[in-house]
Full PDB file with SEQRES, HELIX, SHEET, SSBOND, CRYST1, ORIGX, SCALE, CONECT and MASTER records, all heavy atoms in Angstrom:
SEQRES   1 A   39  ILE VAL GLN PRO SER SER VAL GLY SER PRO PHE LEU ILE          
SEQRES   2 A   39  THR THR SER GLY ARG VAL GLY PHE VAL LEU ASN GLN PRO          
SEQRES   3 A   39  ILE ASP GLN PRO LEU ARG GLY HIS ILE SER HIS ASP ILE          
SHEET    1 AA1 3 VAL A   2  GLN A   3  0                                        
SHEET    2 AA1 3 PHE A  11  ARG A  18 -1                                        
SHEET    3 AA1 3 ARG A  32  ASP A  38 -1                                        
CRYST1    1.000    1.000    1.000  90.00  90.00  90.00 P 1           1          
ORIGX1      1.000000  0.000000  0.000000        0.00000                         
ORIGX2      0.000000  1.000000  0.000000        0.00000                         
ORIGX3      0.000000  0.000000  1.000000        0.00000                         
SCALE1      1.000000  0.000000  0.000000        0.00000                         
SCALE2      0.000000  1.000000  0.000000        0.00000                         
SCALE3      0.000000  0.000000  1.000000        0.00000                         
ATOM      1  N   ILE A   1      -9.801 -10.614  -4.073  1.00  0.00           N  
ATOM      2  CA  ILE A   1      -8.594 -11.212  -4.631  1.00  0.00           C  
ATOM      3  C   ILE A   1      -8.068 -12.241  -3.645  1.00  0.00           C  
ATOM      4  O   ILE A   1      -7.941 -11.977  -2.461  1.00  0.00           O  
ATOM      5  CB  ILE A   1      -7.510 -10.153  -4.916  1.00  0.00           C  
ATOM      6  CG1 ILE A   1      -8.053  -9.083  -5.862  1.00  0.00           C  
ATOM      7  CG2 ILE A   1      -6.263 -10.811  -5.510  1.00  0.00           C  
ATOM      8  CD1 ILE A   1      -7.113  -7.919  -6.075  1.00  0.00           C  
ATOM      9  N   VAL A   2      -7.765 -13.402  -4.163  1.00  0.00           N  
ATOM     10  CA  VAL A   2      -7.205 -14.465  -3.329  1.00  0.00           C  
ATOM     11  C   VAL A   2      -5.901 -14.931  -3.955  1.00  0.00           C  
ATOM     12  O   VAL A   2      -5.793 -15.032  -5.170  1.00  0.00           O  
ATOM     13  CB  VAL A   2      -8.192 -15.648  -3.174  1.00  0.00           C  
ATOM     14  CG1 VAL A   2      -8.597 -16.223  -4.511  1.00  0.00           C  
ATOM     15  CG2 VAL A   2      -7.617 -16.739  -2.299  1.00  0.00           C  
ATOM     16  N   GLN A   3      -4.912 -15.139  -3.122  1.00  0.00           N  
ATOM     17  CA  GLN A   3      -3.665 -15.735  -3.580  1.00  0.00           C  
ATOM     18  C   GLN A   3      -3.388 -16.961  -2.707  1.00  0.00           C  
ATOM     19  O   GLN A   3      -3.135 -16.831  -1.521  1.00  0.00           O  
ATOM     20  CB  GLN A   3      -2.502 -14.759  -3.487  1.00  0.00           C  
ATOM     21  CG  GLN A   3      -1.170 -15.395  -3.919  1.00  0.00           C  
ATOM     22  CD  GLN A   3      -0.106 -14.368  -4.137  1.00  0.00           C  
ATOM     23  OE1 GLN A   3      -0.088 -13.709  -5.162  1.00  0.00           O  
ATOM     24  NE2 GLN A   3       0.789 -14.222  -3.178  1.00  0.00           N  
ATOM     25  N   PRO A   4      -3.455 -18.143  -3.294  1.00  0.00           N  
ATOM     26  CA  PRO A   4      -3.188 -19.355  -2.513  1.00  0.00           C  
ATOM     27  C   PRO A   4      -1.690 -19.529  -2.263  1.00  0.00           C  
ATOM     28  O   PRO A   4      -0.862 -18.948  -2.955  1.00  0.00           O  
ATOM     29  CB  PRO A   4      -3.731 -20.469  -3.406  1.00  0.00           C  
ATOM     30  CG  PRO A   4      -3.639 -19.920  -4.788  1.00  0.00           C  
ATOM     31  CD  PRO A   4      -3.840 -18.435  -4.667  1.00  0.00           C  
ATOM     32  N   SER A   5      -1.369 -20.331  -1.283  1.00  0.00           N  
ATOM     33  CA  SER A   5       0.035 -20.564  -0.917  1.00  0.00           C  
ATOM     34  C   SER A   5       0.828 -21.167  -2.075  1.00  0.00           C  
ATOM     35  O   SER A   5       2.042 -21.003  -2.141  1.00  0.00           O  
ATOM     36  CB  SER A   5       0.120 -21.461   0.315  1.00  0.00           C  
ATOM     37  OG  SER A   5      -0.544 -22.687   0.072  1.00  0.00           O  
ATOM     38  N   SER A   6       0.178 -21.802  -3.023  1.00  0.00           N  
ATOM     39  CA  SER A   6       0.873 -22.393  -4.174  1.00  0.00           C  
ATOM     40  C   SER A   6       1.402 -21.337  -5.143  1.00  0.00           C  
ATOM     41  O   SER A   6       2.254 -21.632  -5.974  1.00  0.00           O  
ATOM     42  CB  SER A   6      -0.051 -23.354  -4.918  1.00  0.00           C  
ATOM     43  OG  SER A   6      -1.184 -22.654  -5.406  1.00  0.00           O  
ATOM     44  N   VAL A   7       0.909 -20.083  -5.024  1.00  0.00           N  
ATOM     45  CA  VAL A   7       1.334 -18.997  -5.914  1.00  0.00           C  
ATOM     46  C   VAL A   7       2.322 -18.066  -5.215  1.00  0.00           C  
ATOM     47  O   VAL A   7       3.190 -17.483  -5.836  1.00  0.00           O  
ATOM     48  CB  VAL A   7       0.111 -18.200  -6.431  1.00  0.00           C  
ATOM     49  CG1 VAL A   7       0.529 -16.978  -7.232  1.00  0.00           C  
ATOM     50  CG2 VAL A   7      -0.788 -19.098  -7.268  1.00  0.00           C  
ATOM     51  N   GLY A   8       2.178 -17.914  -3.915  1.00  0.00           N  
ATOM     52  CA  GLY A   8       3.011 -16.994  -3.135  1.00  0.00           C  
ATOM     53  C   GLY A   8       2.489 -16.926  -1.718  1.00  0.00           C  
ATOM     54  O   GLY A   8       1.775 -17.820  -1.284  1.00  0.00           O  
ATOM     55  N   SER A   9       2.819 -15.848  -1.014  1.00  0.00           N  
ATOM     56  CA  SER A   9       2.289 -15.674   0.340  1.00  0.00           C  
ATOM     57  C   SER A   9       0.771 -15.590   0.259  1.00  0.00           C  
ATOM     58  O   SER A   9       0.242 -14.745  -0.467  1.00  0.00           O  
ATOM     59  CB  SER A   9       2.835 -14.395   0.968  1.00  0.00           C  
ATOM     60  OG  SER A   9       4.229 -14.495   1.119  1.00  0.00           O  
ATOM     61  N   PRO A  10       0.064 -16.462   0.973  1.00  0.00           N  
ATOM     62  CA  PRO A  10      -1.389 -16.511   0.816  1.00  0.00           C  
ATOM     63  C   PRO A  10      -2.089 -15.291   1.405  1.00  0.00           C  
ATOM     64  O   PRO A  10      -1.638 -14.717   2.401  1.00  0.00           O  
ATOM     65  CB  PRO A  10      -1.782 -17.782   1.571  1.00  0.00           C  
ATOM     66  CG  PRO A  10      -0.695 -18.011   2.545  1.00  0.00           C  
ATOM     67  CD  PRO A  10       0.552 -17.457   1.931  1.00  0.00           C  
ATOM     68  N   PHE A  11      -3.182 -14.887   0.755  1.00  0.00           N  
ATOM     69  CA  PHE A  11      -4.038 -13.831   1.279  1.00  0.00           C  
ATOM     70  C   PHE A  11      -5.408 -13.937   0.660  1.00  0.00           C  
ATOM     71  O   PHE A  11      -5.597 -14.577  -0.378  1.00  0.00           O  
ATOM     72  CB  PHE A  11      -3.440 -12.437   1.066  1.00  0.00           C  
ATOM     73  CG  PHE A  11      -3.226 -12.055  -0.379  1.00  0.00           C  
ATOM     74  CD1 PHE A  11      -4.264 -11.604  -1.169  1.00  0.00           C  
ATOM     75  CD2 PHE A  11      -1.956 -12.125  -0.938  1.00  0.00           C  
ATOM     76  CE1 PHE A  11      -4.055 -11.232  -2.491  1.00  0.00           C  
ATOM     77  CE2 PHE A  11      -1.730 -11.755  -2.262  1.00  0.00           C  
ATOM     78  CZ  PHE A  11      -2.789 -11.307  -3.038  1.00  0.00           C  
ATOM     79  N   LEU A  12      -6.352 -13.298   1.334  1.00  0.00           N  
ATOM     80  CA  LEU A  12      -7.731 -13.189   0.876  1.00  0.00           C  
ATOM     81  C   LEU A  12      -8.180 -11.793   1.266  1.00  0.00           C  
ATOM     82  O   LEU A  12      -8.335 -11.493   2.445  1.00  0.00           O  
ATOM     83  CB  LEU A  12      -8.604 -14.261   1.537  1.00  0.00           C  
ATOM     84  CG  LEU A  12     -10.095 -14.277   1.189  1.00  0.00           C  
ATOM     85  CD1 LEU A  12     -10.312 -14.470  -0.315  1.00  0.00           C  
ATOM     86  CD2 LEU A  12     -10.797 -15.384   1.975  1.00  0.00           C  
ATOM     87  N   ILE A  13      -8.335 -10.912   0.255  1.00  0.00           N  
ATOM     88  CA  ILE A  13      -8.609  -9.503   0.513  1.00  0.00           C  
ATOM     89  C   ILE A  13      -9.697  -8.983  -0.405  1.00  0.00           C  
ATOM     90  O   ILE A  13      -9.981  -9.572  -1.451  1.00  0.00           O  
ATOM     91  CB  ILE A  13      -7.345  -8.626   0.320  1.00  0.00           C  
ATOM     92  CG1 ILE A  13      -6.823  -8.743  -1.127  1.00  0.00           C  
ATOM     93  CG2 ILE A  13      -6.270  -8.989   1.328  1.00  0.00           C  
ATOM     94  CD1 ILE A  13      -5.667  -7.812  -1.480  1.00  0.00           C  
ATOM     95  N   THR A  14     -10.299  -7.866   0.005  1.00  0.00           N  
ATOM     96  CA  THR A  14     -11.093  -7.079  -0.930  1.00  0.00           C  
ATOM     97  C   THR A  14     -10.349  -5.764  -1.113  1.00  0.00           C  
ATOM     98  O   THR A  14      -9.673  -5.292  -0.204  1.00  0.00           O  
ATOM     99  CB  THR A  14     -12.536  -6.804  -0.439  1.00  0.00           C  
ATOM    100  OG1 THR A  14     -12.508  -6.033   0.743  1.00  0.00           O  
ATOM    101  CG2 THR A  14     -13.299  -8.101  -0.226  1.00  0.00           C  
ATOM    102  N   THR A  15     -10.451  -5.223  -2.307  1.00  0.00           N  
ATOM    103  CA  THR A  15      -9.769  -3.981  -2.635  1.00  0.00           C  
ATOM    104  C   THR A  15     -10.752  -2.961  -3.186  1.00  0.00           C  
ATOM    105  O   THR A  15     -11.811  -3.326  -3.708  1.00  0.00           O  
ATOM    106  CB  THR A  15      -8.656  -4.200  -3.685  1.00  0.00           C  
ATOM    107  OG1 THR A  15      -9.238  -4.701  -4.889  1.00  0.00           O  
ATOM    108  CG2 THR A  15      -7.597  -5.153  -3.180  1.00  0.00           C  
ATOM    109  N   SER A  16     -10.386  -1.703  -3.066  1.00  0.00           N  
ATOM    110  CA  SER A  16     -11.073  -0.586  -3.705  1.00  0.00           C  
ATOM    111  C   SER A  16     -10.005   0.141  -4.474  1.00  0.00           C  
ATOM    112  O   SER A  16      -9.008   0.551  -3.892  1.00  0.00           O  
ATOM    113  CB  SER A  16     -11.642   0.372  -2.666  1.00  0.00           C  
ATOM    114  OG  SER A  16     -12.844  -0.088  -2.181  1.00  0.00           O  
ATOM    115  N   GLY A  17     -10.181   0.293  -5.741  1.00  0.00           N  
ATOM    116  CA  GLY A  17      -9.176   0.984  -6.535  1.00  0.00           C  
ATOM    117  C   GLY A  17      -8.542   0.034  -7.526  1.00  0.00           C  
ATOM    118  O   GLY A  17      -8.954  -1.105  -7.686  1.00  0.00           O  
ATOM    119  N   ARG A  18      -7.535   0.528  -8.181  1.00  0.00           N  
ATOM    120  CA  ARG A  18      -6.931  -0.183  -9.306  1.00  0.00           C  
ATOM    121  C   ARG A  18      -5.847  -1.164  -8.861  1.00  0.00           C  
ATOM    122  O   ARG A  18      -4.948  -0.827  -8.115  1.00  0.00           O  
ATOM    123  CB  ARG A  18      -6.342   0.847 -10.256  1.00  0.00           C  
ATOM    124  CG  ARG A  18      -5.950   0.319 -11.574  1.00  0.00           C  
ATOM    125  CD  ARG A  18      -5.520   1.506 -12.455  1.00  0.00           C  
ATOM    126  NE  ARG A  18      -5.182   1.063 -13.766  1.00  0.00           N  
ATOM    127  CZ  ARG A  18      -6.042   0.948 -14.768  1.00  0.00           C  
ATOM    128  NH1 ARG A  18      -7.296   1.256 -14.582  1.00  0.00           N  
ATOM    129  NH2 ARG A  18      -5.651   0.540 -15.946  1.00  0.00           N  
ATOM    130  N   VAL A  19      -5.953  -2.383  -9.373  1.00  0.00           N  
ATOM    131  CA  VAL A  19      -4.922  -3.395  -9.164  1.00  0.00           C  
ATOM    132  C   VAL A  19      -4.881  -4.265 -10.424  1.00  0.00           C  
ATOM    133  O   VAL A  19      -5.904  -4.519 -11.039  1.00  0.00           O  
ATOM    134  CB  VAL A  19      -5.190  -4.240  -7.894  1.00  0.00           C  
ATOM    135  CG1 VAL A  19      -6.477  -5.018  -8.010  1.00  0.00           C  
ATOM    136  CG2 VAL A  19      -4.033  -5.159  -7.585  1.00  0.00           C  
ATOM    137  N   GLY A  20      -3.688  -4.664 -10.825  1.00  0.00           N  
ATOM    138  CA  GLY A  20      -3.573  -5.470 -12.034  1.00  0.00           C  
ATOM    139  C   GLY A  20      -2.606  -6.607 -11.845  1.00  0.00           C  
ATOM    140  O   GLY A  20      -1.668  -6.524 -11.052  1.00  0.00           O  
ATOM    141  N   PHE A  21      -2.851  -7.695 -12.560  1.00  0.00           N  
ATOM    142  CA  PHE A  21      -1.964  -8.845 -12.519  1.00  0.00           C  
ATOM    143  C   PHE A  21      -2.286  -9.773 -13.682  1.00  0.00           C  
ATOM    144  O   PHE A  21      -3.349  -9.690 -14.292  1.00  0.00           O  
ATOM    145  CB  PHE A  21      -2.074  -9.595 -11.185  1.00  0.00           C  
ATOM    146  CG  PHE A  21      -3.482  -9.992 -10.819  1.00  0.00           C  
ATOM    147  CD1 PHE A  21      -4.001 -11.218 -11.194  1.00  0.00           C  
ATOM    148  CD2 PHE A  21      -4.273  -9.136 -10.080  1.00  0.00           C  
ATOM    149  CE1 PHE A  21      -5.290 -11.580 -10.853  1.00  0.00           C  
ATOM    150  CE2 PHE A  21      -5.563  -9.492  -9.728  1.00  0.00           C  
ATOM    151  CZ  PHE A  21      -6.068 -10.722 -10.122  1.00  0.00           C  
ATOM    152  N   VAL A  22      -1.362 -10.632 -13.984  1.00  0.00           N  
ATOM    153  CA  VAL A  22      -1.555 -11.677 -14.975  1.00  0.00           C  
ATOM    154  C   VAL A  22      -2.111 -12.887 -14.229  1.00  0.00           C  
ATOM    155  O   VAL A  22      -1.645 -13.219 -13.132  1.00  0.00           O  
ATOM    156  CB  VAL A  22      -0.223 -12.026 -15.683  1.00  0.00           C  
ATOM    157  CG1 VAL A  22      -0.388 -13.209 -16.615  1.00  0.00           C  
ATOM    158  CG2 VAL A  22       0.297 -10.809 -16.440  1.00  0.00           C  
ATOM    159  N   LEU A  23      -3.108 -13.521 -14.796  1.00  0.00           N  
ATOM    160  CA  LEU A  23      -3.729 -14.663 -14.147  1.00  0.00           C  
ATOM    161  C   LEU A  23      -2.694 -15.701 -13.739  1.00  0.00           C  
ATOM    162  O   LEU A  23      -1.747 -15.979 -14.472  1.00  0.00           O  
ATOM    163  CB  LEU A  23      -4.761 -15.308 -15.070  1.00  0.00           C  
ATOM    164  CG  LEU A  23      -5.924 -14.430 -15.488  1.00  0.00           C  
ATOM    165  CD1 LEU A  23      -6.891 -15.215 -16.347  1.00  0.00           C  
ATOM    166  CD2 LEU A  23      -6.631 -13.841 -14.300  1.00  0.00           C  
ATOM    167  N   ASN A  24      -2.891 -16.256 -12.554  1.00  0.00           N  
ATOM    168  CA  ASN A  24      -2.023 -17.295 -11.989  1.00  0.00           C  
ATOM    169  C   ASN A  24      -0.597 -16.837 -11.730  1.00  0.00           C  
ATOM    170  O   ASN A  24       0.313 -17.649 -11.660  1.00  0.00           O  
ATOM    171  CB  ASN A  24      -2.045 -18.552 -12.866  1.00  0.00           C  
ATOM    172  CG  ASN A  24      -3.432 -19.127 -12.958  1.00  0.00           C  
ATOM    173  OD1 ASN A  24      -4.115 -19.279 -11.951  1.00  0.00           O  
ATOM    174  ND2 ASN A  24      -3.876 -19.410 -14.168  1.00  0.00           N  
ATOM    175  N   GLN A  25      -0.426 -15.514 -11.605  1.00  0.00           N  
ATOM    176  CA  GLN A  25       0.862 -14.924 -11.271  1.00  0.00           C  
ATOM    177  C   GLN A  25       0.664 -13.979 -10.091  1.00  0.00           C  
ATOM    178  O   GLN A  25      -0.415 -13.441  -9.909  1.00  0.00           O  
ATOM    179  CB  GLN A  25       1.432 -14.128 -12.452  1.00  0.00           C  
ATOM    180  CG  GLN A  25       1.660 -14.940 -13.695  1.00  0.00           C  
ATOM    181  CD  GLN A  25       2.755 -15.966 -13.514  1.00  0.00           C  
ATOM    182  OE1 GLN A  25       3.779 -15.695 -12.900  1.00  0.00           O  
ATOM    183  NE2 GLN A  25       2.545 -17.157 -14.040  1.00  0.00           N  
ATOM    184  N   PRO A  26       1.698 -13.729  -9.296  1.00  0.00           N  
ATOM    185  CA  PRO A  26       1.574 -12.757  -8.212  1.00  0.00           C  
ATOM    186  C   PRO A  26       1.259 -11.367  -8.771  1.00  0.00           C  
ATOM    187  O   PRO A  26       1.576 -11.059  -9.914  1.00  0.00           O  
ATOM    188  CB  PRO A  26       2.958 -12.774  -7.556  1.00  0.00           C  
ATOM    189  CG  PRO A  26       3.528 -14.102  -7.922  1.00  0.00           C  
ATOM    190  CD  PRO A  26       2.986 -14.412  -9.294  1.00  0.00           C  
ATOM    191  N   ILE A  27       0.637 -10.531  -7.937  1.00  0.00           N  
ATOM    192  CA  ILE A  27       0.327  -9.155  -8.341  1.00  0.00           C  
ATOM    193  C   ILE A  27       1.634  -8.444  -8.654  1.00  0.00           C  
ATOM    194  O   ILE A  27       2.564  -8.459  -7.858  1.00  0.00           O  
ATOM    195  CB  ILE A  27      -0.469  -8.436  -7.245  1.00  0.00           C  
ATOM    196  CG1 ILE A  27      -1.850  -9.103  -7.122  1.00  0.00           C  
ATOM    197  CG2 ILE A  27      -0.603  -6.948  -7.545  1.00  0.00           C  
ATOM    198  CD1 ILE A  27      -2.686  -8.600  -5.977  1.00  0.00           C  
ATOM    199  N   ASP A  28       1.717  -7.857  -9.850  1.00  0.00           N  
ATOM    200  CA  ASP A  28       2.975  -7.271 -10.312  1.00  0.00           C  
ATOM    201  C   ASP A  28       2.899  -5.773 -10.571  1.00  0.00           C  
ATOM    202  O   ASP A  28       3.803  -5.201 -11.147  1.00  0.00           O  
ATOM    203  CB  ASP A  28       3.453  -7.985 -11.577  1.00  0.00           C  
ATOM    204  CG  ASP A  28       2.468  -7.868 -12.733  1.00  0.00           C  
ATOM    205  OD1 ASP A  28       1.333  -7.389 -12.533  1.00  0.00           O  
ATOM    206  OD2 ASP A  28       2.835  -8.253 -13.852  1.00  0.00           O  
ATOM    207  N   GLN A  29       1.798  -5.137 -10.165  1.00  0.00           N  
ATOM    208  CA  GLN A  29       1.671  -3.700 -10.322  1.00  0.00           C  
ATOM    209  C   GLN A  29       1.339  -3.096  -8.971  1.00  0.00           C  
ATOM    210  O   GLN A  29       0.704  -3.749  -8.139  1.00  0.00           O  
ATOM    211  CB  GLN A  29       0.548  -3.350 -11.302  1.00  0.00           C  
ATOM    212  CG  GLN A  29       0.816  -3.771 -12.721  1.00  0.00           C  
ATOM    213  CD  GLN A  29      -0.330  -3.353 -13.642  1.00  0.00           C  
ATOM    214  OE1 GLN A  29      -1.412  -2.984 -13.215  1.00  0.00           O  
ATOM    215  NE2 GLN A  29      -0.073  -3.422 -14.933  1.00  0.00           N  
ATOM    216  N   PRO A  30       1.736  -1.839  -8.742  1.00  0.00           N  
ATOM    217  CA  PRO A  30       1.392  -1.195  -7.469  1.00  0.00           C  
ATOM    218  C   PRO A  30      -0.124  -1.104  -7.312  1.00  0.00           C  
ATOM    219  O   PRO A  30      -0.841  -0.907  -8.288  1.00  0.00           O  
ATOM    220  CB  PRO A  30       2.002   0.200  -7.589  1.00  0.00           C  
ATOM    221  CG  PRO A  30       2.939   0.142  -8.737  1.00  0.00           C  
ATOM    222  CD  PRO A  30       2.508  -0.979  -9.620  1.00  0.00           C  
ATOM    223  N   LEU A  31      -0.595  -1.282  -6.095  1.00  0.00           N  
ATOM    224  CA  LEU A  31      -2.003  -1.130  -5.776  1.00  0.00           C  
ATOM    225  C   LEU A  31      -2.317   0.355  -5.758  1.00  0.00           C  
ATOM    226  O   LEU A  31      -1.725   1.106  -4.988  1.00  0.00           O  
ATOM    227  CB  LEU A  31      -2.289  -1.759  -4.413  1.00  0.00           C  
ATOM    228  CG  LEU A  31      -3.719  -1.694  -3.912  1.00  0.00           C  
ATOM    229  CD1 LEU A  31      -4.644  -2.501  -4.817  1.00  0.00           C  
ATOM    230  CD2 LEU A  31      -3.798  -2.239  -2.496  1.00  0.00           C  
ATOM    231  N   ARG A  32      -3.187   0.779  -6.654  1.00  0.00           N  
ATOM    232  CA  ARG A  32      -3.595   2.182  -6.698  1.00  0.00           C  
ATOM    233  C   ARG A  32      -4.991   2.242  -6.104  1.00  0.00           C  
ATOM    234  O   ARG A  32      -5.969   2.181  -6.807  1.00  0.00           O  
ATOM    235  CB  ARG A  32      -3.587   2.697  -8.130  1.00  0.00           C  
ATOM    236  CG  ARG A  32      -2.196   2.844  -8.665  1.00  0.00           C  
ATOM    237  CD  ARG A  32      -2.221   3.323 -10.109  1.00  0.00           C  
ATOM    238  NE  ARG A  32      -0.922   3.625 -10.603  1.00  0.00           N  
ATOM    239  CZ  ARG A  32      -0.029   2.732 -10.994  1.00  0.00           C  
ATOM    240  NH1 ARG A  32      -0.303   1.462 -10.891  1.00  0.00           N  
ATOM    241  NH2 ARG A  32       1.135   3.108 -11.460  1.00  0.00           N  
ATOM    242  N   GLY A  33      -5.051   2.320  -4.828  1.00  0.00           N  
ATOM    243  CA  GLY A  33      -6.298   2.275  -4.089  1.00  0.00           C  
ATOM    244  C   GLY A  33      -5.934   1.746  -2.717  1.00  0.00           C  
ATOM    245  O   GLY A  33      -4.891   2.103  -2.179  1.00  0.00           O  
ATOM    246  N   HIS A  34      -6.736   0.878  -2.180  1.00  0.00           N  
ATOM    247  CA  HIS A  34      -6.397   0.332  -0.879  1.00  0.00           C  
ATOM    248  C   HIS A  34      -7.061  -1.020  -0.644  1.00  0.00           C  
ATOM    249  O   HIS A  34      -8.006  -1.386  -1.332  1.00  0.00           O  
ATOM    250  CB  HIS A  34      -6.770   1.320   0.224  1.00  0.00           C  
ATOM    251  CG  HIS A  34      -8.247   1.528   0.373  1.00  0.00           C  
ATOM    252  ND1 HIS A  34      -8.959   2.371  -0.408  1.00  0.00           N  
ATOM    253  CD2 HIS A  34      -9.141   0.971   1.228  1.00  0.00           C  
ATOM    254  CE1 HIS A  34     -10.232   2.346  -0.056  1.00  0.00           C  
ATOM    255  NE2 HIS A  34     -10.372   1.503   0.931  1.00  0.00           N  
ATOM    256  N   ILE A  35      -6.522  -1.727   0.317  1.00  0.00           N  
ATOM    257  CA  ILE A  35      -7.139  -2.974   0.749  1.00  0.00           C  
ATOM    258  C   ILE A  35      -8.291  -2.593   1.663  1.00  0.00           C  
ATOM    259  O   ILE A  35      -8.089  -1.923   2.676  1.00  0.00           O  
ATOM    260  CB  ILE A  35      -6.126  -3.875   1.469  1.00  0.00           C  
ATOM    261  CG1 ILE A  35      -5.033  -4.294   0.480  1.00  0.00           C  
ATOM    262  CG2 ILE A  35      -6.817  -5.083   2.087  1.00  0.00           C  
ATOM    263  CD1 ILE A  35      -3.874  -5.024   1.126  1.00  0.00           C  
ATOM    264  N   SER A  36      -9.490  -2.968   1.285  1.00  0.00           N  
ATOM    265  CA  SER A  36     -10.673  -2.641   2.079  1.00  0.00           C  
ATOM    266  C   SER A  36     -10.816  -3.591   3.259  1.00  0.00           C  
ATOM    267  O   SER A  36     -11.183  -3.177   4.353  1.00  0.00           O  
ATOM    268  CB  SER A  36     -11.930  -2.724   1.223  1.00  0.00           C  
ATOM    269  OG  SER A  36     -11.833  -1.907   0.090  1.00  0.00           O  
ATOM    270  N   HIS A  37     -10.554  -4.873   2.997  1.00  0.00           N  
ATOM    271  CA  HIS A  37     -10.723  -5.890   4.038  1.00  0.00           C  
ATOM    272  C   HIS A  37      -9.665  -6.969   3.887  1.00  0.00           C  
ATOM    273  O   HIS A  37      -9.457  -7.489   2.792  1.00  0.00           O  
ATOM    274  CB  HIS A  37     -12.103  -6.557   3.932  1.00  0.00           C  
ATOM    275  CG  HIS A  37     -13.242  -5.610   4.097  1.00  0.00           C  
ATOM    276  ND1 HIS A  37     -13.718  -5.230   5.322  1.00  0.00           N  
ATOM    277  CD2 HIS A  37     -14.003  -4.967   3.180  1.00  0.00           C  
ATOM    278  CE1 HIS A  37     -14.727  -4.384   5.156  1.00  0.00           C  
ATOM    279  NE2 HIS A  37     -14.910  -4.205   3.870  1.00  0.00           N  
ATOM    280  N   ASP A  38      -9.020  -7.302   4.988  1.00  0.00           N  
ATOM    281  CA  ASP A  38      -8.153  -8.486   5.063  1.00  0.00           C  
ATOM    282  C   ASP A  38      -9.056  -9.565   5.659  1.00  0.00           C  
ATOM    283  O   ASP A  38      -9.257  -9.635   6.877  1.00  0.00           O  
ATOM    284  CB  ASP A  38      -6.945  -8.218   5.951  1.00  0.00           C  
ATOM    285  CG  ASP A  38      -6.046  -9.434   6.100  1.00  0.00           C  
ATOM    286  OD1 ASP A  38      -6.505 -10.574   5.851  1.00  0.00           O  
ATOM    287  OD2 ASP A  38      -4.882  -9.255   6.494  1.00  0.00           O  
ATOM    288  N   ILE A  39      -9.666 -10.356   4.808  1.00  0.00           N  
ATOM    289  CA  ILE A  39     -10.708 -11.279   5.223  1.00  0.00           C  
ATOM    290  C   ILE A  39     -10.187 -12.314   6.216  1.00  0.00           C  
ATOM    291  O   ILE A  39     -10.862 -12.646   7.202  1.00  0.00           O  
ATOM    292  CB  ILE A  39     -11.363 -11.936   3.999  1.00  0.00           C  
ATOM    293  CG1 ILE A  39     -12.054 -10.842   3.156  1.00  0.00           C  
ATOM    294  CG2 ILE A  39     -12.348 -13.017   4.418  1.00  0.00           C  
ATOM    295  CD1 ILE A  39     -12.557 -11.290   1.810  1.00  0.00           C  
TER     296      ILE A  39                                                      
MASTER        0    0    0    0    3    0    0    6  295    1    0    3          
END                                                                             
């Protein structure tokens, strides 16, 4: 999952578990799992 600075606080991560969001919007649901890697 990548979030560019144009959408919000930038990040580039891999996750394990459930995460949901609407395309081109910030993640709006709790992460049910974990961030595997902060790339």
